[in-house]
């Protein structure tokens, strides 16, 4: 199944973001999945001030990763990200189960 991960990392350094993105990619690959794309969205203002791990954040460093994997690998990735203290927030969304379905939706706009 094709998934999309949008992650927001604390805005300390680009090295942290790279390390977390690499950890996510390796978790997908080790679970038998494939990373389709990885995009850096740089630092952006958060929609509202967020408190995470006893610290308030107004900015975060975002990245987007699209990957194919089985549901167990996706759950394992969510567990790893949830325990990482450098993460502010993240979201994993299933885009579809077959490439043909996703391509059809893109063409029709549905």
PDB file of N, CA and C in Angstrom:
ATOM      1  N   UNK A   1       0.834  -1.181   0.000  1.00  0.00           N
ATOM      2  CA  UNK A   1       0.000   0.000   0.000  1.00  0.00           C
ATOM      3  C   UNK A   1       0.876   1.241   0.000  1.00  0.00           C
ATOM      4  N   UNK A   2       0.402   2.290  -0.622  1.00  0.00           N
ATOM      5  CA  UNK A   2       1.147   3.539  -0.699  1.00  0.00           C
ATOM      6  C   UNK A   2       0.741   4.438   0.461  1.00  0.00           C
ATOM      7  N   UNK A   3       1.733   4.919   1.202  1.00  0.00           N
ATOM      8  CA  UNK A   3       1.511   5.799   2.345  1.00  0.00           C
ATOM      9  C   UNK A   3       2.257   7.107   2.138  1.00  0.00           C
ATOM     10  N   UNK A   4       1.801   8.127   2.858  1.00  0.00           N
ATOM     11  CA  UNK A   4       2.466   9.421   2.857  1.00  0.00           C
ATOM     12  C   UNK A   4       2.689   9.835   4.306  1.00  0.00           C
ATOM     13  N   UNK A   5       3.932  10.152   4.634  1.00  0.00           N
ATOM     14  CA  UNK A   5       4.306  10.603   5.970  1.00  0.00           C
ATOM     15  C   UNK A   5       4.651  12.075   5.906  1.00  0.00           C
ATOM     16  N   UNK A   6       4.001  12.878   6.730  1.00  0.00           N
ATOM     17  CA  UNK A   6       4.372  14.277   6.904  1.00  0.00           C
ATOM     18  C   UNK A   6       4.854  14.401   8.330  1.00  0.00           C
ATOM     19  N   UNK A   7       6.105  14.797   8.501  1.00  0.00           N
ATOM     20  CA  UNK A   7       6.712  14.845   9.827  1.00  0.00           C
ATOM     21  C   UNK A   7       7.229  16.243  10.122  1.00  0.00           C
ATOM     22  N   UNK A   8       7.106  16.632  11.382  1.00  0.00           N
ATOM     23  CA  UNK A   8       7.594  17.926  11.853  1.00  0.00           C
ATOM     24  C   UNK A   8       8.602  17.664  12.965  1.00  0.00           C
ATOM     25  N   UNK A   9       9.837  18.084  12.736  1.00  0.00           N
ATOM     26  CA  UNK A   9      10.944  17.859  13.656  1.00  0.00           C
ATOM     27  C   UNK A   9      11.294  19.183  14.328  1.00  0.00           C
ATOM     28  N   UNK A  10      11.782  19.111  15.566  1.00  0.00           N
ATOM     29  CA  UNK A  10      12.173  20.360  16.236  1.00  0.00           C
ATOM     30  C   UNK A  10      13.240  21.066  15.406  1.00  0.00           C
ATOM     31  N   UNK A  11      13.197  22.387  15.374  1.00  0.00           N
ATOM     32  CA  UNK A  11      14.037  23.137  14.421  1.00  0.00           C
ATOM     33  C   UNK A  11      15.451  23.422  14.922  1.00  0.00           C
ATOM     34  N   UNK A  12      16.137  22.433  15.452  1.00  0.00           N
ATOM     35  CA  UNK A  12      17.489  22.674  15.966  1.00  0.00           C
ATOM     36  C   UNK A  12      18.539  22.648  14.871  1.00  0.00           C
ATOM     37  N   UNK A  13      18.589  21.571  14.118  1.00  0.00           N
ATOM     38  CA  UNK A  13      19.613  21.481  13.075  1.00  0.00           C
ATOM     39  C   UNK A  13      19.129  20.598  11.933  1.00  0.00           C
ATOM     40  N   UNK A  14      19.683  20.845  10.769  1.00  0.00           N
ATOM     41  CA  UNK A  14      19.349  20.055   9.594  1.00  0.00           C
ATOM     42  C   UNK A  14      19.862  18.622   9.739  1.00  0.00           C
ATOM     43  N   UNK A  15      20.938  18.439  10.507  1.00  0.00           N
ATOM     44  CA  UNK A  15      21.484  17.099  10.717  1.00  0.00           C
ATOM     45  C   UNK A  15      20.474  16.205  11.434  1.00  0.00           C
ATOM     46  N   UNK A  16      19.732  16.760  12.390  1.00  0.00           N
ATOM     47  CA  UNK A  16      18.696  15.992  13.084  1.00  0.00           C
ATOM     48  C   UNK A  16      17.604  15.548  12.112  1.00  0.00           C
ATOM     49  N   UNK A  17      17.198  16.456  11.245  1.00  0.00           N
ATOM     50  CA  UNK A  17      16.153  16.143  10.274  1.00  0.00           C
ATOM     51  C   UNK A  17      16.629  15.037   9.338  1.00  0.00           C
ATOM     52  N   UNK A  18      17.855  15.149   8.866  1.00  0.00           N
ATOM     53  CA  UNK A  18      18.406  14.111   7.994  1.00  0.00           C
ATOM     54  C   UNK A  18      18.468  12.762   8.706  1.00  0.00           C
ATOM     55  N   UNK A  19      18.871  12.770   9.966  1.00  0.00           N
ATOM     56  CA  UNK A  19      18.965  11.527  10.725  1.00  0.00           C
ATOM     57  C   UNK A  19      17.593  10.881  10.906  1.00  0.00           C
ATOM     58  N   UNK A  20      16.581  11.680  11.208  1.00  0.00           N
ATOM     59  CA  UNK A  20      15.232  11.140  11.381  1.00  0.00           C
ATOM     60  C   UNK A  20      14.689  10.632  10.047  1.00  0.00           C
ATOM     61  N   UNK A  21      14.900  11.377   8.965  1.00  0.00           N
ATOM     62  CA  UNK A  21      14.450  10.929   7.646  1.00  0.00           C
ATOM     63  C   UNK A  21      15.148   9.629   7.256  1.00  0.00           C
ATOM     64  N   UNK A  22      16.427   9.510   7.560  1.00  0.00           N
ATOM     65  CA  UNK A  22      17.164   8.283   7.267  1.00  0.00           C
ATOM     66  C   UNK A  22      16.626   7.124   8.108  1.00  0.00           C
ATOM     67  N   UNK A  23      16.318   7.382   9.377  1.00  0.00           N
ATOM     68  CA  UNK A  23      15.749   6.351  10.242  1.00  0.00           C
ATOM     69  C   UNK A  23      14.408   5.866   9.711  1.00  0.00           C
ATOM     70  N   UNK A  24      13.578   6.810   9.254  1.00  0.00           N
ATOM     71  CA  UNK A  24      12.274   6.445   8.672  1.00  0.00           C
ATOM     72  C   UNK A  24      12.456   5.605   7.421  1.00  0.00           C
ATOM     73  N   UNK A  25      13.337   6.034   6.546  1.00  0.00           N
ATOM     74  CA  UNK A  25      13.590   5.302   5.310  1.00  0.00           C
ATOM     75  C   UNK A  25      14.130   3.904   5.569  1.00  0.00           C
ATOM     76  N   UNK A  26      15.037   3.778   6.529  1.00  0.00           N
ATOM     77  CA  UNK A  26      15.595   2.461   6.854  1.00  0.00           C
ATOM     78  C   UNK A  26      14.544   1.557   7.475  1.00  0.00           C
ATOM     79  N   UNK A  27      13.635   2.119   8.276  1.00  0.00           N
ATOM     80  CA  UNK A  27      12.562   1.317   8.869  1.00  0.00           C
ATOM     81  C   UNK A  27      11.658   0.752   7.775  1.00  0.00           C
ATOM     82  N   UNK A  28      11.371   1.567   6.769  1.00  0.00           N
ATOM     83  CA  UNK A  28      10.542   1.106   5.643  1.00  0.00           C
ATOM     84  C   UNK A  28      11.288   0.036   4.843  1.00  0.00           C
ATOM     85  N   UNK A  29      12.561   0.278   4.536  1.00  0.00           N
ATOM     86  CA  UNK A  29      13.339  -0.682   3.754  1.00  0.00           C
ATOM     87  C   UNK A  29      13.535  -1.999   4.506  1.00  0.00           C
ATOM     88  N   UNK A  30      13.791  -1.921   5.800  1.00  0.00           N
ATOM     89  CA  UNK A  30      13.989  -3.138   6.596  1.00  0.00           C
ATOM     90  C   UNK A  30      12.703  -3.946   6.711  1.00  0.00           C
ATOM     91  N   UNK A  31      11.560  -3.277   6.590  1.00  0.00           N
ATOM     92  CA  UNK A  31      10.284  -3.974   6.628  1.00  0.00           C
ATOM     93  C   UNK A  31       9.847  -4.498   5.273  1.00  0.00           C
ATOM     94  N   UNK A  32      10.692  -4.361   4.263  1.00  0.00           N
ATOM     95  CA  UNK A  32      10.367  -4.875   2.936  1.00  0.00           C
ATOM     96  C   UNK A  32       9.656  -3.867   2.056  1.00  0.00           C
ATOM     97  N   UNK A  33       9.616  -2.603   2.457  1.00  0.00           N
ATOM     98  CA  UNK A  33       8.946  -1.569   1.683  1.00  0.00           C
ATOM     99  C   UNK A  33       9.890  -0.845   0.743  1.00  0.00           C
ATOM    100  N   UNK A  34       9.344   0.148   0.055  1.00  0.00           N
ATOM    101  CA  UNK A  34      10.100   0.955  -0.907  1.00  0.00           C
ATOM    102  C   UNK A  34       9.791   2.423  -0.654  1.00  0.00           C
ATOM    103  N   UNK A  35      10.839   3.249  -0.561  1.00  0.00           N
ATOM    104  CA  UNK A  35      10.655   4.692  -0.420  1.00  0.00           C
ATOM    105  C   UNK A  35      10.515   5.283  -1.818  1.00  0.00           C
ATOM    106  N   UNK A  36       9.377   5.923  -2.094  1.00  0.00           N
ATOM    107  CA  UNK A  36       9.107   6.484  -3.424  1.00  0.00           C
ATOM    108  C   UNK A  36       9.655   7.898  -3.570  1.00  0.00           C
ATOM    109  N   UNK A  37       9.524   8.721  -2.525  1.00  0.00           N
ATOM    110  CA  UNK A  37      10.058  10.086  -2.605  1.00  0.00           C
ATOM    111  C   UNK A  37      10.284  10.619  -1.206  1.00  0.00           C
ATOM    112  N   UNK A  38      11.193  11.586  -1.116  1.00  0.00           N
ATOM    113  CA  UNK A  38      11.516  12.250   0.140  1.00  0.00           C
ATOM    114  C   UNK A  38      11.750  13.719  -0.183  1.00  0.00           C
ATOM    115  N   UNK A  39      10.947  14.597   0.414  1.00  0.00           N
ATOM    116  CA  UNK A  39      11.049  16.026   0.123  1.00  0.00           C
ATOM    117  C   UNK A  39      11.256  16.810   1.407  1.00  0.00           C
ATOM    118  N   UNK A  40      12.165  17.761   1.336  1.00  0.00           N
ATOM    119  CA  UNK A  40      12.439  18.637   2.469  1.00  0.00           C
ATOM    120  C   UNK A  40      11.579  19.895   2.314  1.00  0.00           C
ATOM    121  N   UNK A  41      10.766  20.197   3.316  1.00  0.00           N
ATOM    122  CA  UNK A  41       9.914  21.386   3.267  1.00  0.00           C
ATOM    123  C   UNK A  41      10.480  22.535   4.098  1.00  0.00           C
ATOM    124  N   UNK A  42      11.665  22.374   4.655  1.00  0.00           N
ATOM    125  CA  UNK A  42      12.345  23.402   5.442  1.00  0.00           C
ATOM    126  C   UNK A  42      11.548  23.808   6.682  1.00  0.00           C
ATOM    127  N   UNK A  43      12.043  24.839   7.355  1.00  0.00           N
ATOM    128  CA  UNK A  43      11.375  25.317   8.574  1.00  0.00           C
ATOM    129  C   UNK A  43      10.164  26.160   8.218  1.00  0.00           C
ATOM    130  N   UNK A  44       9.089  25.941   8.976  1.00  0.00           N
ATOM    131  CA  UNK A  44       7.863  26.709   8.784  1.00  0.00           C
ATOM    132  C   UNK A  44       7.242  26.981  10.144  1.00  0.00           C
ATOM    133  N   UNK A  45       6.405  27.999  10.174  1.00  0.00           N
ATOM    134  CA  UNK A  45       5.647  28.275  11.389  1.00  0.00           C
ATOM    135  C   UNK A  45       4.605  27.180  11.586  1.00  0.00           C
ATOM    136  N   UNK A  46       4.428  26.764  12.828  1.00  0.00           N
ATOM    137  CA  UNK A  46       3.382  25.808  13.143  1.00  0.00           C
ATOM    138  C   UNK A  46       2.048  26.536  13.167  1.00  0.00           C
ATOM    139  N   UNK A  47       0.945  25.850  12.920  1.00  0.00           N
ATOM    140  CA  UNK A  47      -0.368  26.510  12.945  1.00  0.00           C
ATOM    141  C   UNK A  47      -0.674  27.153  14.301  1.00  0.00           C
ATOM    142  N   UNK A  48      -0.181  26.536  15.354  1.00  0.00           N
ATOM    143  CA  UNK A  48      -0.324  27.100  16.693  1.00  0.00           C
ATOM    144  C   UNK A  48       0.863  26.629  17.526  1.00  0.00           C
ATOM    145  N   UNK A  49       1.090  27.267  18.631  1.00  0.00           N
ATOM    146  CA  UNK A  49       2.184  26.883  19.510  1.00  0.00           C
ATOM    147  C   UNK A  49       1.905  25.486  20.071  1.00  0.00           C
ATOM    148  N   UNK A  50       2.929  24.620  20.033  1.00  0.00           N
ATOM    149  CA  UNK A  50       2.773  23.224  20.432  1.00  0.00           C
ATOM    150  C   UNK A  50       3.722  22.930  21.592  1.00  0.00           C
ATOM    151  N   UNK A  51       3.218  22.217  22.587  1.00  0.00           N
ATOM    152  CA  UNK A  51       4.053  21.781  23.700  1.00  0.00           C
ATOM    153  C   UNK A  51       4.337  20.300  23.523  1.00  0.00           C
ATOM    154  N   UNK A  52       5.612  19.970  23.475  1.00  0.00           N
ATOM    155  CA  UNK A  52       6.027  18.576  23.305  1.00  0.00           C
ATOM    156  C   UNK A  52       7.279  18.356  24.135  1.00  0.00           C
ATOM    157  N   UNK A  53       7.288  17.338  24.959  1.00  0.00           N
ATOM    158  CA  UNK A  53       8.429  17.001  25.805  1.00  0.00           C
ATOM    159  C   UNK A  53       8.873  18.195  26.655  1.00  0.00           C
ATOM    160  N   UNK A  54       7.918  18.854  27.280  1.00  0.00           N
ATOM    161  CA  UNK A  54       8.125  19.971  28.209  1.00  0.00           C
ATOM    162  C   UNK A  54       8.793  21.184  27.565  1.00  0.00           C
ATOM    163  N   UNK A  55       8.605  21.339  26.257  1.00  0.00           N
ATOM    164  CA  UNK A  55       9.145  22.481  25.529  1.00  0.00           C
ATOM    165  C   UNK A  55       8.070  23.004  24.587  1.00  0.00           C
ATOM    166  N   UNK A  56       7.999  24.327  24.435  1.00  0.00           N
ATOM    167  CA  UNK A  56       7.056  24.941  23.506  1.00  0.00           C
ATOM    168  C   UNK A  56       7.754  25.222  22.184  1.00  0.00           C
ATOM    169  N   UNK A  57       7.044  24.945  21.096  1.00  0.00           N
ATOM    170  CA  UNK A  57       7.582  25.169  19.750  1.00  0.00           C
ATOM    171  C   UNK A  57       6.625  26.041  18.957  1.00  0.00           C
ATOM    172  N   UNK A  58       7.190  27.004  18.222  1.00  0.00           N
ATOM    173  CA  UNK A  58       6.410  27.834  17.305  1.00  0.00           C
ATOM    174  C   UNK A  58       6.796  27.571  15.858  1.00  0.00           C
ATOM    175  N   UNK A  59       7.961  26.975  15.664  1.00  0.00           N
ATOM    176  CA  UNK A  59       8.442  26.618  14.333  1.00  0.00           C
ATOM    177  C   UNK A  59       8.818  25.144  14.329  1.00  0.00           C
ATOM    178  N   UNK A  60       8.787  24.555  13.145  1.00  0.00           N
ATOM    179  CA  UNK A  60       9.191  23.168  12.999  1.00  0.00           C
ATOM    180  C   UNK A  60       9.787  22.941  11.621  1.00  0.00           C
ATOM    181  N   UNK A  61      10.597  21.917  11.509  1.00  0.00           N
ATOM    182  CA  UNK A  61      11.210  21.562  10.230  1.00  0.00           C
ATOM    183  C   UNK A  61      10.425  20.381   9.665  1.00  0.00           C
ATOM    184  N   UNK A  62       9.790  20.585   8.525  1.00  0.00           N
ATOM    185  CA  UNK A  62       8.917  19.575   7.934  1.00  0.00           C
ATOM    186  C   UNK A  62       9.632  18.790   6.843  1.00  0.00           C
ATOM    187  N   UNK A  63       9.256  17.515   6.720  1.00  0.00           N
ATOM    188  CA  UNK A  63       9.632  16.739   5.536  1.00  0.00           C
ATOM    189  C   UNK A  63       8.493  15.795   5.184  1.00  0.00           C
ATOM    190  N   UNK A  64       8.454  15.410   3.912  1.00  0.00           N
ATOM    191  CA  UNK A  64       7.407  14.544   3.381  1.00  0.00           C
ATOM    192  C   UNK A  64       8.063  13.311   2.776  1.00  0.00           C
ATOM    193  N   UNK A  65       7.521  12.143   3.102  1.00  0.00           N
ATOM    194  CA  UNK A  65       8.049  10.905   2.539  1.00  0.00           C
ATOM    195  C   UNK A  65       6.881  10.057   2.056  1.00  0.00           C
ATOM    196  N   UNK A  66       6.951   9.603   0.801  1.00  0.00           N
ATOM    197  CA  UNK A  66       5.969   8.660   0.254  1.00  0.00           C
ATOM    198  C   UNK A  66       6.651   7.305   0.161  1.00  0.00           C
ATOM    199  N   UNK A  67       5.937   6.282   0.608  1.00  0.00           N
ATOM    200  CA  UNK A  67       6.527   4.956   0.624  1.00  0.00           C
ATOM    201  C   UNK A  67       5.468   3.879   0.449  1.00  0.00           C
ATOM    202  N   UNK A  68       5.905   2.737  -0.087  1.00  0.00           N
ATOM    203  CA  UNK A  68       5.077   1.531  -0.198  1.00  0.00           C
ATOM    204  C   UNK A  68       5.526   0.573   0.890  1.00  0.00           C
ATOM    205  N   UNK A  69       4.567   0.026   1.624  1.00  0.00           N
ATOM    206  CA  UNK A  69       4.897  -0.982   2.629  1.00  0.00           C
ATOM    207  C   UNK A  69       3.635  -1.715   3.039  1.00  0.00           C
ATOM    208  N   UNK A  70       3.821  -2.716   3.864  1.00  0.00           N
ATOM    209  CA  UNK A  70       2.671  -3.417   4.417  1.00  0.00           C
ATOM    210  C   UNK A  70       2.205  -2.678   5.683  1.00  0.00           C
ATOM    211  N   UNK A  71       1.006  -2.933   6.162  1.00  0.00           N
ATOM    212  CA  UNK A  71       0.488  -2.210   7.328  1.00  0.00           C
ATOM    213  C   UNK A  71       1.323  -2.399   8.596  1.00  0.00           C
ATOM    214  N   UNK A  72       1.954  -3.560   8.749  1.00  0.00           N
ATOM    215  CA  UNK A  72       2.769  -3.791   9.946  1.00  0.00           C
ATOM    216  C   UNK A  72       3.996  -2.882   9.963  1.00  0.00           C
ATOM    217  N   UNK A  73       4.620  -2.696   8.809  1.00  0.00           N
ATOM    218  CA  UNK A  73       5.779  -1.812   8.716  1.00  0.00           C
ATOM    219  C   UNK A  73       5.373  -0.370   9.002  1.00  0.00           C
ATOM    220  N   UNK A  74       4.235   0.053   8.481  1.00  0.00           N
ATOM    221  CA  UNK A  74       3.735   1.405   8.722  1.00  0.00           C
ATOM    222  C   UNK A  74       3.463   1.625  10.209  1.00  0.00           C
ATOM    223  N   UNK A  75       2.903   0.633  10.890  1.00  0.00           N
ATOM    224  CA  UNK A  75       2.645   0.744  12.324  1.00  0.00           C
ATOM    225  C   UNK A  75       3.963   0.817  13.098  1.00  0.00           C
ATOM    226  N   UNK A  76       4.945   0.015  12.685  1.00  0.00           N
ATOM    227  CA  UNK A  76       6.261   0.062  13.322  1.00  0.00           C
ATOM    228  C   UNK A  76       6.917   1.426  13.160  1.00  0.00           C
ATOM    229  N   UNK A  77       6.767   2.031  11.987  1.00  0.00           N
ATOM    230  CA  UNK A  77       7.301   3.368  11.743  1.00  0.00           C
ATOM    231  C   UNK A  77       6.631   4.389  12.654  1.00  0.00           C
ATOM    232  N   UNK A  78       5.316   4.282  12.809  1.00  0.00           N
ATOM    233  CA  UNK A  78       4.579   5.186  13.706  1.00  0.00           C
ATOM    234  C   UNK A  78       5.052   5.024  15.153  1.00  0.00           C
ATOM    235  N   UNK A  79       5.315   3.799  15.563  1.00  0.00           N
ATOM    236  CA  UNK A  79       5.792   3.553  16.926  1.00  0.00           C
ATOM    237  C   UNK A  79       7.163   4.182  17.152  1.00  0.00           C
ATOM    238  N   UNK A  80       8.060   4.032  16.173  1.00  0.00           N
ATOM    239  CA  UNK A  80       9.405   4.603  16.283  1.00  0.00           C
ATOM    240  C   UNK A  80       9.335   6.126  16.362  1.00  0.00           C
ATOM    241  N   UNK A  81       8.533   6.744  15.500  1.00  0.00           N
ATOM    242  CA  UNK A  81       8.427   8.203  15.499  1.00  0.00           C
ATOM    243  C   UNK A  81       7.765   8.717  16.770  1.00  0.00           C
ATOM    244  N   UNK A  82       6.802   7.985  17.284  1.00  0.00           N
ATOM    245  CA  UNK A  82       6.120   8.413  18.502  1.00  0.00           C
ATOM    246  C   UNK A  82       7.024   8.434  19.719  1.00  0.00           C
ATOM    247  N   UNK A  83       8.051   7.603  19.723  1.00  0.00           N
ATOM    248  CA  UNK A  83       8.974   7.541  20.861  1.00  0.00           C
ATOM    249  C   UNK A  83      10.169   8.477  20.725  1.00  0.00           C
ATOM    250  N   UNK A  84      10.368   9.060  19.554  1.00  0.00           N
ATOM    251  CA  UNK A  84      11.528   9.928  19.318  1.00  0.00           C
ATOM    252  C   UNK A  84      11.281  11.310  19.917  1.00  0.00           C
ATOM    253  N   UNK A  85      12.112  11.757  20.858  1.00  0.00           N
ATOM    254  CA  UNK A  85      11.883  13.070  21.490  1.00  0.00           C
ATOM    255  C   UNK A  85      12.151  14.263  20.576  1.00  0.00           C
ATOM    256  N   UNK A  86      12.764  14.033  19.413  1.00  0.00           N
ATOM    257  CA  UNK A  86      13.034  15.142  18.491  1.00  0.00           C
ATOM    258  C   UNK A  86      11.836  15.483  17.620  1.00  0.00           C
ATOM    259  N   UNK A  87      10.841  14.601  17.593  1.00  0.00           N
ATOM    260  CA  UNK A  87       9.642  14.811  16.776  1.00  0.00           C
ATOM    261  C   UNK A  87       8.675  15.746  17.497  1.00  0.00           C
ATOM    262  N   UNK A  88       8.111  16.693  16.752  1.00  0.00           N
ATOM    263  CA  UNK A  88       7.046  17.533  17.294  1.00  0.00           C
ATOM    264  C   UNK A  88       5.703  16.872  16.992  1.00  0.00           C
ATOM    265  N   UNK A  89       5.486  16.530  15.731  1.00  0.00           N
ATOM    266  CA  UNK A  89       4.270  15.817  15.348  1.00  0.00           C
ATOM    267  C   UNK A  89       4.488  15.155  14.000  1.00  0.00           C
ATOM    268  N   UNK A  90       3.602  14.197  13.668  1.00  0.00           N
ATOM    269  CA  UNK A  90       3.682  13.514  12.390  1.00  0.00           C
ATOM    270  C   UNK A  90       2.318  12.934  12.062  1.00  0.00           C
ATOM    271  N   UNK A  91       2.152  12.618  10.789  1.00  0.00           N
ATOM    272  CA  UNK A  91       0.917  12.010  10.326  1.00  0.00           C
ATOM    273  C   UNK A  91       1.235  11.072   9.176  1.00  0.00           C
ATOM    274  N   UNK A  92       0.659   9.862   9.232  1.00  0.00           N
ATOM    275  CA  UNK A  92       0.811   8.887   8.158  1.00  0.00           C
ATOM    276  C   UNK A  92      -0.572   8.652   7.562  1.00  0.00           C
ATOM    277  N   UNK A  93      -0.679   8.824   6.246  1.00  0.00           N
ATOM    278  CA  UNK A  93      -1.952   8.681   5.553  1.00  0.00           C
ATOM    279  C   UNK A  93      -1.805   7.625   4.465  1.00  0.00           C
ATOM    280  N   UNK A  94      -2.791   6.742   4.368  1.00  0.00           N
ATOM    281  CA  UNK A  94      -2.776   5.750   3.288  1.00  0.00           C
ATOM    282  C   UNK A  94      -3.372   6.395   2.047  1.00  0.00           C
ATOM    283  N   UNK A  95      -2.605   6.403   0.963  1.00  0.00           N
ATOM    284  CA  UNK A  95      -3.065   7.001  -0.284  1.00  0.00           C
ATOM    285  C   UNK A  95      -3.837   6.014  -1.138  1.00  0.00           C
ATOM    286  N   UNK A  96      -3.548   4.738  -0.994  1.00  0.00           N
ATOM    287  CA  UNK A  96      -4.253   3.728  -1.772  1.00  0.00           C
ATOM    288  C   UNK A  96      -3.567   2.397  -1.663  1.00  0.00           C
ATOM    289  N   UNK A  97      -4.257   1.378  -2.147  1.00  0.00           N
ATOM    290  CA  UNK A  97      -3.678   0.045  -2.065  1.00  0.00           C
ATOM    291  C   UNK A  97      -3.040  -0.399  -3.376  1.00  0.00           C
ATOM    292  N   UNK A  98      -3.475   0.182  -4.495  1.00  0.00           N
ATOM    293  CA  UNK A  98      -2.911  -0.172  -5.796  1.00  0.00           C
ATOM    294  C   UNK A  98      -2.542   1.094  -6.549  1.00  0.00           C
ATOM    295  N   UNK A  99      -1.460   1.016  -7.306  1.00  0.00           N
ATOM    296  CA  UNK A  99      -0.987   2.157  -8.075  1.00  0.00           C
ATOM    297  C   UNK A  99      -2.019   2.602  -9.098  1.00  0.00           C
ATOM    298  N   UNK A 100      -2.762   1.658  -9.665  1.00  0.00           N
ATOM    299  CA  UNK A 100      -3.769   2.002 -10.665  1.00  0.00           C
ATOM    300  C   UNK A 100      -4.883   2.864 -10.056  1.00  0.00           C
ATOM    301  N   UNK A 101      -5.280   2.554  -8.810  1.00  0.00           N
ATOM    302  CA  UNK A 101      -6.322   3.343  -8.140  1.00  0.00           C
ATOM    303  C   UNK A 101      -5.865   4.776  -7.913  1.00  0.00           C
ATOM    304  N   UNK A 102      -4.622   4.933  -7.499  1.00  0.00           N
ATOM    305  CA  UNK A 102      -4.094   6.270  -7.219  1.00  0.00           C
ATOM    306  C   UNK A 102      -3.981   7.072  -8.506  1.00  0.00           C
ATOM    307  N   UNK A 103      -3.496   6.445  -9.579  1.00  0.00           N
ATOM    308  CA  UNK A 103      -3.368   7.128 -10.868  1.00  0.00           C
ATOM    309  C   UNK A 103      -4.747   7.525 -11.399  1.00  0.00           C
ATOM    310  N   UNK A 104      -5.740   6.671 -11.227  1.00  0.00           N
ATOM    311  CA  UNK A 104      -7.099   6.972 -11.695  1.00  0.00           C
ATOM    312  C   UNK A 104      -7.674   8.161 -10.921  1.00  0.00           C
ATOM    313  N   UNK A 105      -7.452   8.210  -9.605  1.00  0.00           N
ATOM    314  CA  UNK A 105      -7.952   9.320  -8.794  1.00  0.00           C
ATOM    315  C   UNK A 105      -7.304  10.636  -9.191  1.00  0.00           C
ATOM    316  N   UNK A 106      -6.012  10.611  -9.515  1.00  0.00           N
ATOM    317  CA  UNK A 106      -5.314  11.824  -9.914  1.00  0.00           C
ATOM    318  C   UNK A 106      -5.883  12.382 -11.230  1.00  0.00           C
ATOM    319  N   UNK A 107      -6.239  11.496 -12.160  1.00  0.00           N
ATOM    320  CA  UNK A 107      -6.750  11.933 -13.449  1.00  0.00           C
ATOM    321  C   UNK A 107      -8.160  12.469 -13.355  1.00  0.00           C
ATOM    322  N   UNK A 108      -8.999  11.838 -12.534  1.00  0.00           N
ATOM    323  CA  UNK A 108     -10.388  12.256 -12.420  1.00  0.00           C
ATOM    324  C   UNK A 108     -10.588  13.368 -11.409  1.00  0.00           C
ATOM    325  N   UNK A 109      -9.636  13.540 -10.506  1.00  0.00           N
ATOM    326  CA  UNK A 109      -9.763  14.584  -9.497  1.00  0.00           C
ATOM    327  C   UNK A 109     -10.674  14.192  -8.341  1.00  0.00           C
ATOM    328  N   UNK A 110     -11.023  12.926  -8.243  1.00  0.00           N
ATOM    329  CA  UNK A 110     -11.905  12.445  -7.176  1.00  0.00           C
ATOM    330  C   UNK A 110     -11.102  12.100  -5.962  1.00  0.00           C
TER     331      UNK A 110
END
